[in-house]
N, C-alpha and C. Protein backbone atom coordinates (compact mmCIF):
# COMPACT_ATOMS: atom_id res chain seq x y z
N UNK A 1 -98.37 81.47 -168.71
CA UNK A 1 -97.30 81.08 -167.83
C UNK A 1 -97.89 80.65 -166.48
N UNK A 2 -97.25 79.70 -165.83
CA UNK A 2 -97.77 79.21 -164.56
C UNK A 2 -97.49 80.17 -163.40
N UNK A 3 -98.31 80.03 -162.37
CA UNK A 3 -98.16 80.81 -161.15
C UNK A 3 -97.52 79.92 -160.10
N UNK A 4 -96.47 80.41 -159.46
CA UNK A 4 -95.76 79.65 -158.43
C UNK A 4 -95.91 80.35 -157.09
N UNK A 5 -95.92 79.55 -156.02
CA UNK A 5 -96.02 80.10 -154.66
C UNK A 5 -94.64 80.08 -154.02
N UNK A 6 -94.35 81.14 -153.29
CA UNK A 6 -93.08 81.27 -152.58
C UNK A 6 -93.37 81.69 -151.15
N UNK A 7 -92.47 81.37 -150.23
CA UNK A 7 -92.64 81.68 -148.82
C UNK A 7 -91.41 82.43 -148.32
N UNK A 8 -91.64 83.63 -147.76
CA UNK A 8 -90.57 84.41 -147.14
C UNK A 8 -90.64 84.17 -145.63
N UNK A 9 -89.50 84.01 -144.99
CA UNK A 9 -89.47 83.75 -143.55
C UNK A 9 -90.02 84.92 -142.75
N UNK A 10 -89.83 86.15 -143.25
CA UNK A 10 -90.27 87.34 -142.52
C UNK A 10 -91.65 87.83 -142.94
N UNK A 11 -91.91 87.89 -144.25
CA UNK A 11 -93.13 88.52 -144.77
C UNK A 11 -94.28 87.55 -145.03
N UNK A 12 -94.00 86.28 -145.16
CA UNK A 12 -95.07 85.33 -145.44
C UNK A 12 -95.06 84.89 -146.90
N UNK A 13 -96.19 84.39 -147.37
CA UNK A 13 -96.27 83.84 -148.71
C UNK A 13 -96.66 84.86 -149.77
N UNK A 14 -96.26 84.57 -150.99
CA UNK A 14 -96.66 85.38 -152.14
C UNK A 14 -96.61 84.51 -153.38
N UNK A 15 -97.31 84.96 -154.44
CA UNK A 15 -97.35 84.21 -155.68
C UNK A 15 -96.64 85.02 -156.76
N UNK A 16 -96.06 84.30 -157.71
CA UNK A 16 -95.31 84.95 -158.76
C UNK A 16 -95.53 84.19 -160.06
N UNK A 17 -95.80 84.94 -161.14
CA UNK A 17 -95.98 84.34 -162.46
C UNK A 17 -94.62 84.32 -163.13
N UNK A 18 -94.12 83.11 -163.43
CA UNK A 18 -92.81 82.95 -164.04
C UNK A 18 -92.86 81.84 -165.07
N UNK A 19 -91.90 81.84 -165.97
CA UNK A 19 -91.82 80.74 -166.92
C UNK A 19 -91.31 79.50 -166.18
N UNK A 20 -91.53 78.34 -166.76
CA UNK A 20 -91.14 77.08 -166.12
C UNK A 20 -89.62 76.98 -165.98
N UNK A 21 -88.89 77.59 -166.88
CA UNK A 21 -87.43 77.52 -166.80
C UNK A 21 -86.88 78.36 -165.65
N UNK A 22 -87.65 79.34 -165.18
CA UNK A 22 -87.21 80.20 -164.07
C UNK A 22 -87.75 79.76 -162.72
N UNK A 23 -88.57 78.72 -162.67
CA UNK A 23 -89.25 78.33 -161.43
C UNK A 23 -88.28 77.96 -160.32
N UNK A 24 -87.16 77.32 -160.64
CA UNK A 24 -86.22 76.88 -159.61
C UNK A 24 -85.20 77.95 -159.23
N UNK A 25 -85.16 79.05 -159.98
CA UNK A 25 -84.20 80.12 -159.69
C UNK A 25 -84.54 80.81 -158.36
N UNK A 26 -83.53 81.30 -157.63
CA UNK A 26 -83.80 82.03 -156.38
C UNK A 26 -84.68 83.26 -156.65
N UNK A 27 -85.57 83.53 -155.73
CA UNK A 27 -86.51 84.64 -155.89
C UNK A 27 -86.45 85.55 -154.69
N UNK A 28 -86.27 86.85 -154.89
CA UNK A 28 -86.31 87.77 -153.75
C UNK A 28 -87.75 88.08 -153.36
N UNK A 29 -87.98 88.24 -152.07
CA UNK A 29 -89.30 88.62 -151.57
C UNK A 29 -89.61 90.04 -152.04
N UNK A 30 -90.82 90.31 -152.52
CA UNK A 30 -91.15 91.67 -152.96
C UNK A 30 -91.18 92.68 -151.81
N UNK A 31 -91.34 92.22 -150.57
CA UNK A 31 -91.42 93.14 -149.44
C UNK A 31 -90.07 93.50 -148.85
N UNK A 32 -89.27 92.47 -148.54
CA UNK A 32 -88.01 92.72 -147.84
C UNK A 32 -86.78 92.40 -148.69
N UNK A 33 -86.97 91.88 -149.90
CA UNK A 33 -85.89 91.54 -150.83
C UNK A 33 -85.00 90.40 -150.36
N UNK A 34 -85.39 89.67 -149.31
CA UNK A 34 -84.64 88.51 -148.84
C UNK A 34 -85.00 87.31 -149.74
N UNK A 35 -84.12 86.33 -149.86
CA UNK A 35 -84.45 85.16 -150.69
C UNK A 35 -85.64 84.39 -150.11
N UNK A 36 -86.54 83.97 -150.98
CA UNK A 36 -87.73 83.21 -150.59
C UNK A 36 -87.65 81.82 -151.21
N UNK A 37 -88.21 80.85 -150.52
CA UNK A 37 -88.19 79.48 -151.04
C UNK A 37 -89.52 79.15 -151.69
N UNK A 38 -89.46 78.27 -152.67
CA UNK A 38 -90.67 77.86 -153.38
C UNK A 38 -91.46 76.88 -152.53
N UNK A 39 -92.77 77.04 -152.51
CA UNK A 39 -93.67 76.18 -151.76
C UNK A 39 -94.48 75.35 -152.75
N UNK A 40 -94.50 74.05 -152.52
CA UNK A 40 -95.27 73.17 -153.40
C UNK A 40 -96.62 72.89 -152.77
N UNK A 41 -97.65 72.90 -153.58
CA UNK A 41 -99.00 72.64 -153.09
C UNK A 41 -99.87 72.11 -154.20
N UNK A 42 -101.16 72.07 -153.96
CA UNK A 42 -102.11 71.61 -154.96
C UNK A 42 -102.24 72.62 -156.07
N UNK A 43 -102.58 72.13 -157.24
CA UNK A 43 -102.76 73.03 -158.35
C UNK A 43 -104.04 73.83 -158.17
N UNK A 44 -104.16 74.89 -158.91
CA UNK A 44 -105.30 75.79 -158.81
C UNK A 44 -106.57 75.05 -159.23
N UNK A 45 -107.66 75.31 -158.54
CA UNK A 45 -108.93 74.64 -158.84
C UNK A 45 -109.86 75.54 -159.62
N UNK A 46 -109.34 76.28 -160.57
CA UNK A 46 -110.15 77.20 -161.35
C UNK A 46 -111.13 76.53 -162.28
N UNK A 47 -110.81 75.34 -162.79
CA UNK A 47 -111.66 74.69 -163.76
C UNK A 47 -112.24 73.39 -163.24
N UNK A 48 -112.53 73.34 -161.96
CA UNK A 48 -113.07 72.14 -161.34
C UNK A 48 -114.59 72.23 -161.34
N UNK A 49 -115.24 71.08 -161.48
CA UNK A 49 -116.69 70.99 -161.44
C UNK A 49 -117.23 71.65 -160.17
N UNK A 50 -118.38 72.32 -160.26
CA UNK A 50 -118.91 73.06 -159.11
C UNK A 50 -119.24 72.15 -157.93
N UNK A 51 -119.73 70.94 -158.20
CA UNK A 51 -120.03 70.00 -157.12
C UNK A 51 -118.77 69.56 -156.39
N UNK A 52 -117.72 69.30 -157.15
CA UNK A 52 -116.44 68.91 -156.55
C UNK A 52 -115.84 70.07 -155.77
N UNK A 53 -115.95 71.28 -156.32
CA UNK A 53 -115.44 72.46 -155.62
C UNK A 53 -116.17 72.66 -154.30
N UNK A 54 -117.50 72.48 -154.29
CA UNK A 54 -118.27 72.63 -153.06
C UNK A 54 -117.85 71.60 -152.02
N UNK A 55 -117.59 70.36 -152.47
CA UNK A 55 -117.15 69.31 -151.55
C UNK A 55 -115.76 69.62 -150.99
N UNK A 56 -114.87 70.13 -151.83
CA UNK A 56 -113.52 70.48 -151.38
C UNK A 56 -113.57 71.64 -150.39
N UNK A 57 -114.43 72.63 -150.65
CA UNK A 57 -114.57 73.76 -149.73
C UNK A 57 -115.13 73.31 -148.39
N UNK A 58 -116.14 72.43 -148.42
CA UNK A 58 -116.72 71.92 -147.17
C UNK A 58 -115.69 71.13 -146.39
N UNK A 59 -114.87 70.36 -147.09
CA UNK A 59 -113.83 69.58 -146.43
C UNK A 59 -112.79 70.49 -145.78
N UNK A 60 -112.42 71.56 -146.49
CA UNK A 60 -111.43 72.49 -145.94
C UNK A 60 -111.99 73.23 -144.73
N UNK A 61 -113.28 73.60 -144.78
CA UNK A 61 -113.89 74.32 -143.65
C UNK A 61 -113.96 73.44 -142.41
N UNK A 62 -114.20 72.14 -142.60
CA UNK A 62 -114.37 71.27 -141.44
C UNK A 62 -113.05 70.67 -140.95
N UNK A 63 -111.94 70.99 -141.58
CA UNK A 63 -110.65 70.41 -141.19
C UNK A 63 -110.24 70.83 -139.78
N UNK A 64 -110.46 72.08 -139.43
CA UNK A 64 -110.04 72.58 -138.12
C UNK A 64 -111.12 72.44 -137.05
N UNK A 65 -112.37 72.62 -137.44
CA UNK A 65 -113.47 72.56 -136.48
C UNK A 65 -114.63 71.80 -137.10
N UNK A 66 -114.62 70.47 -137.05
CA UNK A 66 -115.71 69.72 -137.67
C UNK A 66 -117.02 69.96 -136.95
N UNK A 67 -118.10 69.98 -137.72
CA UNK A 67 -119.41 70.20 -137.13
C UNK A 67 -119.89 68.91 -136.46
N UNK A 68 -120.71 69.05 -135.43
CA UNK A 68 -121.24 67.92 -134.69
C UNK A 68 -122.61 67.59 -135.27
N UNK A 69 -122.81 66.33 -135.61
CA UNK A 69 -124.09 65.91 -136.17
C UNK A 69 -124.87 65.13 -135.12
N UNK A 70 -126.19 65.23 -135.22
CA UNK A 70 -127.05 64.52 -134.27
C UNK A 70 -127.73 63.32 -134.90
N UNK A 71 -127.66 63.20 -136.23
CA UNK A 71 -128.25 62.06 -136.91
C UNK A 71 -127.42 61.74 -138.15
N UNK A 72 -127.66 60.58 -138.69
CA UNK A 72 -126.96 60.18 -139.89
C UNK A 72 -127.52 60.98 -141.07
N UNK A 73 -126.65 61.62 -141.87
CA UNK A 73 -127.16 62.39 -142.99
C UNK A 73 -127.72 61.49 -144.08
N UNK A 74 -128.59 62.03 -144.89
CA UNK A 74 -129.20 61.27 -145.97
C UNK A 74 -130.69 61.13 -145.75
N UNK A 75 -131.32 60.46 -146.67
CA UNK A 75 -132.77 60.30 -146.54
C UNK A 75 -133.11 59.23 -145.50
N UNK A 76 -134.27 59.32 -144.93
CA UNK A 76 -134.71 58.37 -143.90
C UNK A 76 -134.99 57.02 -144.55
N UNK A 77 -134.67 55.98 -143.84
CA UNK A 77 -134.94 54.64 -144.35
C UNK A 77 -136.40 54.29 -144.13
N UNK A 78 -136.95 53.62 -145.13
CA UNK A 78 -138.33 53.18 -145.00
C UNK A 78 -138.36 51.90 -144.17
N UNK A 79 -139.42 51.72 -143.42
CA UNK A 79 -139.58 50.49 -142.64
C UNK A 79 -139.83 49.32 -143.58
N UNK A 80 -139.33 48.17 -143.23
CA UNK A 80 -139.55 46.98 -144.04
C UNK A 80 -141.00 46.55 -143.92
N UNK A 81 -141.60 46.34 -145.07
CA UNK A 81 -143.00 45.94 -145.08
C UNK A 81 -143.14 44.50 -144.59
N UNK A 82 -144.08 44.26 -143.72
CA UNK A 82 -144.32 42.92 -143.20
C UNK A 82 -145.34 42.24 -144.10
N UNK A 83 -144.95 41.06 -144.56
CA UNK A 83 -145.82 40.33 -145.48
C UNK A 83 -146.76 39.39 -144.74
N UNK A 84 -147.87 39.12 -145.36
CA UNK A 84 -148.83 38.17 -144.79
C UNK A 84 -148.96 36.94 -145.66
N UNK A 85 -148.12 36.82 -146.67
CA UNK A 85 -148.14 35.67 -147.56
C UNK A 85 -147.60 34.45 -146.80
N UNK A 86 -148.36 33.36 -146.68
CA UNK A 86 -147.91 32.19 -145.92
C UNK A 86 -146.69 31.50 -146.53
N UNK A 87 -146.45 31.65 -147.83
CA UNK A 87 -145.28 31.03 -148.46
C UNK A 87 -143.98 31.66 -147.96
N UNK A 88 -144.02 32.91 -147.53
CA UNK A 88 -142.83 33.59 -147.05
C UNK A 88 -142.32 33.03 -145.73
N UNK A 89 -143.18 32.38 -144.96
CA UNK A 89 -142.76 31.81 -143.69
C UNK A 89 -141.79 30.66 -143.87
N UNK A 90 -141.84 30.01 -145.02
CA UNK A 90 -140.95 28.87 -145.29
C UNK A 90 -139.57 29.31 -145.80
N UNK A 91 -139.38 30.57 -146.06
CA UNK A 91 -138.08 31.05 -146.56
C UNK A 91 -137.05 30.99 -145.43
N UNK A 92 -135.78 30.74 -145.79
CA UNK A 92 -134.74 30.68 -144.75
C UNK A 92 -134.53 32.06 -144.11
N UNK A 93 -134.24 32.04 -142.83
CA UNK A 93 -134.00 33.26 -142.08
C UNK A 93 -132.49 33.48 -141.95
N UNK A 94 -132.04 34.72 -141.94
CA UNK A 94 -130.59 34.97 -141.78
C UNK A 94 -130.07 34.67 -140.39
């Protein structure tokens, strides 16, 4: 059975395992017994590839306080080799 998220105005959020036919039914908060509304969000990432999960976690961590970088990430670019072949001088330049 699927897990649904609900939000209580007083107590906060909670999750509840219910059948799909009961998902839209009113739900009392387990703490204060007041009616709670269903919250829609992303599905659970339990079976996601580890690389994708790491990228999603890094994205979530940097959403509020992004880190400051001092250089472009990735490998360093190699310098373009200068040729001494005289035929290369006749090639068109950009």
